[in-house]
Protein backbone atom coordinates (compact mmCIF):
# COMPACT_ATOMS: atom_id res chain seq x y z
CA UNK A 1 3.16 0.07 -28.26
CA UNK A 2 1.36 -2.98 -27.64
CA UNK A 3 -2.96 -3.18 -28.45
CA UNK A 4 -3.35 -1.71 -25.21
CA UNK A 5 -1.26 0.87 -24.69
CA UNK A 6 -2.85 2.23 -28.27
CA UNK A 7 -6.82 1.44 -27.58
CA UNK A 8 -6.44 1.62 -23.74
CA UNK A 9 -8.52 -1.65 -23.00
CA UNK A 10 -8.29 -3.88 -20.39
CA UNK A 11 -8.46 -7.91 -20.22
CA UNK A 12 -11.58 -9.83 -20.13
CA UNK A 13 -13.26 -9.19 -17.06
CA UNK A 14 -11.11 -6.59 -15.74
CA UNK A 15 -12.02 -3.26 -14.43
CA UNK A 16 -12.94 -0.35 -16.91
CA UNK A 17 -9.88 1.61 -17.67
CA UNK A 18 -10.02 5.50 -17.45
CA UNK A 19 -9.81 6.83 -20.88
CA UNK A 20 -8.01 10.08 -21.10
CA UNK A 21 -9.06 12.74 -23.18
CA UNK A 22 -5.80 14.34 -25.46
CA UNK A 23 -4.64 17.69 -24.64
CA UNK A 24 -2.66 18.13 -27.44
CA UNK A 25 -3.78 17.93 -30.76
CA UNK A 26 -1.72 15.04 -32.75
CA UNK A 27 -4.26 14.23 -35.50
CA UNK A 28 -1.87 16.21 -38.30
CA UNK A 29 1.44 15.40 -37.04
CA UNK A 30 3.54 12.89 -38.79
CA UNK A 31 4.96 9.45 -36.45
CA UNK A 32 7.12 9.47 -34.38
CA UNK A 33 6.37 13.16 -33.45
CA UNK A 34 2.18 12.39 -33.03
CA UNK A 35 3.20 9.41 -31.14
CA UNK A 36 5.52 10.70 -28.40
CA UNK A 37 3.10 14.27 -28.40
CA UNK A 38 0.10 11.68 -27.55
CA UNK A 39 2.12 9.89 -24.91
CA UNK A 40 3.40 13.30 -23.49
CA UNK A 41 -0.56 14.28 -23.91
CA UNK A 42 -1.47 11.37 -22.14
CA UNK A 43 0.60 11.52 -19.54
CA UNK A 44 -0.16 14.65 -18.22
CA UNK A 45 -3.62 13.87 -18.46
CA UNK A 46 -3.05 11.39 -15.74
CA UNK A 47 -0.96 13.53 -13.32
CA UNK A 48 -3.80 16.56 -13.44
CA UNK A 49 -6.29 13.70 -12.89
CA UNK A 50 -4.32 12.65 -9.71
CA UNK A 51 -4.10 16.11 -8.37
CA UNK A 52 -8.14 16.63 -8.80
CA UNK A 53 -9.72 17.63 -5.09
CA UNK A 54 -12.03 15.78 -3.91
CA UNK A 55 -10.54 11.98 -4.09
CA UNK A 56 -9.44 9.81 -1.72
CA UNK A 57 -6.16 7.96 -1.84
CA UNK A 58 -7.67 5.04 -3.25
CA UNK A 59 -9.34 6.95 -5.97
CA UNK A 60 -5.85 8.30 -6.84
CA UNK A 61 -4.17 5.37 -6.49
CA UNK A 62 -6.24 3.91 -8.88
CA UNK A 63 -6.48 6.45 -11.70
CA UNK A 64 -2.52 5.43 -11.50
CA UNK A 65 -2.90 1.54 -12.05
CA UNK A 66 -5.91 1.99 -14.31
CA UNK A 67 -2.92 4.79 -16.14
CA UNK A 68 -0.29 2.52 -16.60
CA UNK A 69 -2.46 -0.46 -18.12
CA UNK A 70 -3.10 2.08 -20.81
CA UNK A 71 -0.31 3.97 -21.39
CA UNK A 72 2.75 1.76 -20.68
CA UNK A 73 4.00 -0.95 -23.74
CA UNK A 74 2.74 -4.06 -22.85
CA UNK A 75 1.36 -3.93 -19.84
CA UNK A 76 -2.03 -5.96 -19.15
CA UNK A 77 -2.84 -5.85 -15.34
CA UNK A 78 -0.71 -3.72 -12.77
CA UNK A 79 -0.98 -3.80 -8.77
CA UNK A 80 0.38 -1.36 -6.65
CA UNK A 81 1.37 -2.98 -3.66
CA UNK A 82 3.02 -1.92 -0.13
CA UNK A 83 4.23 -4.04 2.38
CA UNK A 84 1.86 -5.47 5.29
CA UNK A 85 4.57 -7.59 7.68
CA UNK A 86 7.17 -9.27 7.27
CA UNK A 87 6.72 -10.95 3.69
CA UNK A 88 3.40 -9.62 2.93
CA UNK A 89 1.74 -7.46 0.35
CA UNK A 90 -1.20 -5.71 0.07
CA UNK A 91 -2.77 -4.43 -2.72
CA UNK A 92 -3.60 -0.65 -2.45
CA UNK A 93 -4.84 -0.55 -6.19
CA UNK A 94 -5.34 -3.19 -9.07
CA UNK A 95 -6.04 -3.31 -12.86
CA UNK A 96 -6.88 -6.31 -14.86
CA UNK A 97 -7.58 -9.71 -14.01
CA UNK A 98 -5.50 -11.52 -12.19
CA UNK A 99 -3.15 -8.71 -9.88
CA UNK A 100 -4.89 -10.01 -6.77
CA UNK A 101 -4.25 -13.57 -6.77
CA UNK A 102 -0.75 -12.84 -7.35
CA UNK A 103 -0.18 -10.66 -4.77
CA UNK A 104 -1.62 -12.94 -2.80
CA UNK A 105 0.35 -15.73 -3.95
CA UNK A 106 3.77 -13.76 -3.02
CA UNK A 107 2.24 -13.57 0.11
CA UNK A 108 0.93 -17.11 0.77
CA UNK A 109 4.49 -18.21 -0.08
CA UNK A 110 6.58 -15.57 0.99
CA UNK A 111 8.76 -15.20 -2.44
CA UNK A 112 7.86 -13.26 -5.41
CA UNK A 113 8.88 -10.34 -7.93
CA UNK A 114 6.90 -7.70 -6.23
CA UNK A 115 8.08 -8.90 -2.57
CA UNK A 116 11.51 -8.42 -3.69
CA UNK A 117 10.98 -5.43 -5.12
CA UNK A 118 9.65 -3.78 -1.44
CA UNK A 119 12.52 -4.72 -0.23
CA UNK A 120 15.09 -2.38 -2.82
CA UNK A 121 15.34 0.31 -4.44
CA UNK A 122 15.82 -1.44 -8.03
CA UNK A 123 13.37 -2.35 -9.87
CA UNK A 124 12.74 -6.03 -10.72
CA UNK A 125 12.73 -7.01 -14.38
CA UNK A 126 11.09 -10.71 -14.98
CA UNK A 127 11.25 -11.76 -18.82
CA UNK A 128 9.99 -14.72 -18.50
CA UNK A 129 8.40 -16.17 -15.42
CA UNK A 130 8.37 -19.48 -16.66
CA UNK A 131 11.69 -19.76 -16.28
CA UNK A 132 13.14 -17.28 -14.07
CA UNK A 133 14.70 -19.53 -11.33
CA UNK A 134 14.76 -16.65 -8.44
CA UNK A 135 11.30 -18.09 -7.76
CA UNK A 136 10.54 -21.11 -8.06
CA UNK A 137 7.09 -21.79 -6.34
CA UNK A 138 5.83 -18.43 -7.09
CA UNK A 139 6.80 -18.95 -10.89
CA UNK A 140 5.40 -22.28 -11.84
CA UNK A 141 1.77 -21.30 -10.68
CA UNK A 142 1.56 -17.50 -11.82
CA UNK A 143 2.82 -18.50 -15.83
CA UNK A 144 -0.15 -20.82 -15.13
CA UNK A 145 -2.55 -18.46 -14.61
CA UNK A 146 -1.00 -16.65 -17.77
CA UNK A 147 1.40 -13.89 -16.19
CA UNK A 148 4.69 -14.44 -18.46
CA UNK A 149 6.17 -11.12 -17.61
CA UNK A 150 6.67 -8.74 -15.38
CA UNK A 151 8.54 -5.37 -14.15
CA UNK A 152 8.21 -4.54 -10.46
CA UNK A 153 9.31 -0.48 -10.10
CA UNK A 154 10.07 0.60 -5.93
CA UNK A 155 7.82 3.64 -4.91
CA UNK A 156 10.91 4.69 -3.37
CA UNK A 157 10.96 8.29 -0.94
CA UNK A 158 14.50 9.12 -0.01
CA UNK A 159 16.00 5.84 1.33
CA UNK A 160 12.51 4.81 2.38
CA UNK A 161 10.19 1.99 -0.11
CA UNK A 162 6.72 2.40 0.31
CA UNK A 163 5.37 -0.22 -1.91
CA UNK A 164 5.67 -1.33 -5.52
CA UNK A 165 4.24 -0.48 -8.65
CA UNK A 166 4.17 -3.96 -10.28
CA UNK A 167 2.69 -4.74 -13.97
CA UNK A 168 2.39 -7.84 -15.96
CA UNK A 169 1.76 -9.06 -19.10
CA UNK A 170 0.43 -12.20 -20.76
CA UNK A 171 3.27 -12.34 -23.41
CA UNK A 172 6.94 -13.39 -22.42
CA UNK A 173 9.86 -10.34 -22.76
CA UNK A 174 6.79 -7.84 -22.56
CA UNK A 175 8.24 -5.15 -21.28
CA UNK A 176 11.59 -3.10 -23.04
CA UNK A 177 13.04 0.33 -22.01
CA UNK A 178 10.83 2.19 -22.68
CA UNK A 179 7.97 0.34 -20.75
CA UNK A 180 10.64 0.96 -17.53
CA UNK A 181 11.19 3.94 -18.17
CA UNK A 182 7.25 5.29 -18.42
CA UNK A 183 6.71 2.54 -15.30
CA UNK A 184 9.30 4.41 -13.19
CA UNK A 185 7.41 7.72 -14.46
CA UNK A 186 3.98 5.90 -13.28
CA UNK A 187 6.03 4.83 -9.64
CA UNK A 188 6.99 8.38 -8.99
CA UNK A 189 3.47 9.55 -8.97
CA UNK A 190 1.99 6.80 -7.51
CA UNK A 191 5.29 7.47 -4.45
CA UNK A 192 4.19 11.44 -4.22
CA UNK A 193 0.46 10.24 -3.62
CA UNK A 194 1.62 7.71 -0.95
CA UNK A 195 3.56 10.11 0.57
CA UNK A 196 1.09 13.05 0.41
CA UNK A 197 -1.35 10.74 2.31
CA UNK A 198 1.01 9.50 5.35
CA UNK A 199 1.82 13.21 5.54
CA UNK A 200 -1.34 14.43 5.70
CA UNK A 201 -1.93 11.01 8.10
CA UNK A 202 1.01 12.38 10.36
CA UNK A 203 -0.06 15.61 10.64
CA UNK A 204 -3.50 14.58 11.87
CA UNK A 205 -2.14 12.27 14.10
CA UNK A 206 -0.41 15.08 15.94
CA UNK A 207 -3.28 17.42 15.83
CA UNK A 208 -4.95 14.88 17.75
CA UNK A 209 -2.22 14.08 20.18
CA UNK A 210 -1.84 17.65 21.05
CA UNK A 211 -5.57 17.86 21.79
CA UNK A 212 -5.71 14.99 23.92
CA UNK A 213 -1.84 16.32 25.86
CA UNK A 214 -4.88 19.63 26.06
CA UNK A 215 -7.40 17.71 27.62
CA UNK A 216 -5.26 15.79 30.20
CA UNK A 217 -3.46 18.81 31.51
CA UNK A 218 -7.22 20.23 31.50
CA UNK A 219 -7.90 17.40 34.10
CA UNK A 220 -4.80 18.51 36.19
CA UNK A 221 -5.32 21.92 36.44
CA UNK A 222 -8.62 21.65 37.50
CA UNK A 223 -7.84 18.79 39.86
CA UNK A 224 -4.82 19.89 41.70
CA UNK A 225 -5.41 23.58 41.34
CA UNK A 226 -2.01 23.86 39.13
CA UNK A 227 -0.90 26.16 36.19
CA UNK A 228 -0.25 24.75 32.95
CA UNK A 229 3.31 24.19 33.30
CA UNK A 230 3.06 22.00 36.24
CA UNK A 231 0.32 20.02 34.53
CA UNK A 232 2.35 19.23 31.64
CA UNK A 233 5.33 18.74 33.59
CA UNK A 234 3.36 15.92 35.68
CA UNK A 235 2.55 14.34 32.56
CA UNK A 236 6.09 14.29 31.51
CA UNK A 237 7.20 13.08 34.96
CA UNK A 238 4.74 10.39 34.58
CA UNK A 239 5.94 9.01 31.07
CA UNK A 240 9.34 8.75 32.09
CA UNK A 241 8.60 7.07 35.10
CA UNK A 242 6.29 4.44 33.27
CA UNK A 243 8.02 4.58 30.69
CA UNK A 244 5.26 5.33 28.45
CA UNK A 245 4.20 7.11 25.49
CA UNK A 246 3.34 10.91 26.64
CA UNK A 247 -0.05 10.82 24.33
CA UNK A 248 -0.28 7.21 25.49
CA UNK A 249 -0.58 8.38 29.75
CA UNK A 250 -2.60 11.63 28.29
CA UNK A 251 -5.00 8.98 26.65
CA UNK A 252 -4.96 6.68 29.70
CA UNK A 253 -5.75 9.97 32.33
CA UNK A 254 -8.74 11.36 30.29
CA UNK A 255 -10.71 8.39 29.76
CA UNK A 256 -9.75 7.22 33.68
CA UNK A 257 -9.51 10.45 34.95
CA UNK A 258 -7.03 9.39 37.01
CA UNK A 259 -3.36 8.33 37.00
CA UNK A 260 -2.15 5.35 38.90
CA UNK A 261 1.38 6.56 39.82
CA UNK A 262 0.92 10.47 39.82
CA UNK A 263 4.48 12.06 40.90
CA UNK A 264 5.00 14.98 43.00
CA UNK A 265 3.53 18.26 41.57
CA UNK A 266 4.36 20.63 43.98
CA UNK A 267 6.40 23.23 41.66
CA UNK A 268 4.40 25.49 39.86
CA UNK A 269 1.15 24.60 41.62
């Protein structure tokens, strides 16, 4: 493994890498068994750390970015990126000195391995950034910054790509099949964290929407002396007639206390 992987050190100027305590005693085991168990222990510690209570999504993603640099052979820096509009990326977590600039450059140019990775389900390998013809404008500038090889693993949930775990190295051809396999494991944990956060967001939005619709129904019931079913029917018809989402109709009613084009509501009143 690389020096980074063995010693858990970041490049100069980087955020301190999380140190993972060993879950298995490997001091008396001969190599390669000791190395495999040490790696398994470190990976298990990362997985447990990500699941700790009280962490927000950013903290969970940071643990994964730090862990990838600490464990994946060859990795000097890492960025967890997600799409942010057409041909643009946002870094949700970074470890190392250069990832923000590398991500920003790809958004500015509209080309690069991270952008390619979030548009497909296969990993993108760049053995020598300076000689890769796929993104010529990106390649010359990234290589000048000292990024010589990269591996970008899409974060895939079903058929949806949520983003990419992108690793960089100052060495040419730094990532082998072991690196790619370990990056895929970190990508899977990252996908799980992002998917769980999105699920919580959708649940919160659904609860909020339900509460807003309930308030709107209450306004109609009080103002027009109608029952709950009739009030909901009024909201539905208003939504359909105006071609506006039901939630938006409810928000408008709660804010303005009126519906501009209230449809007939004689049923069930």
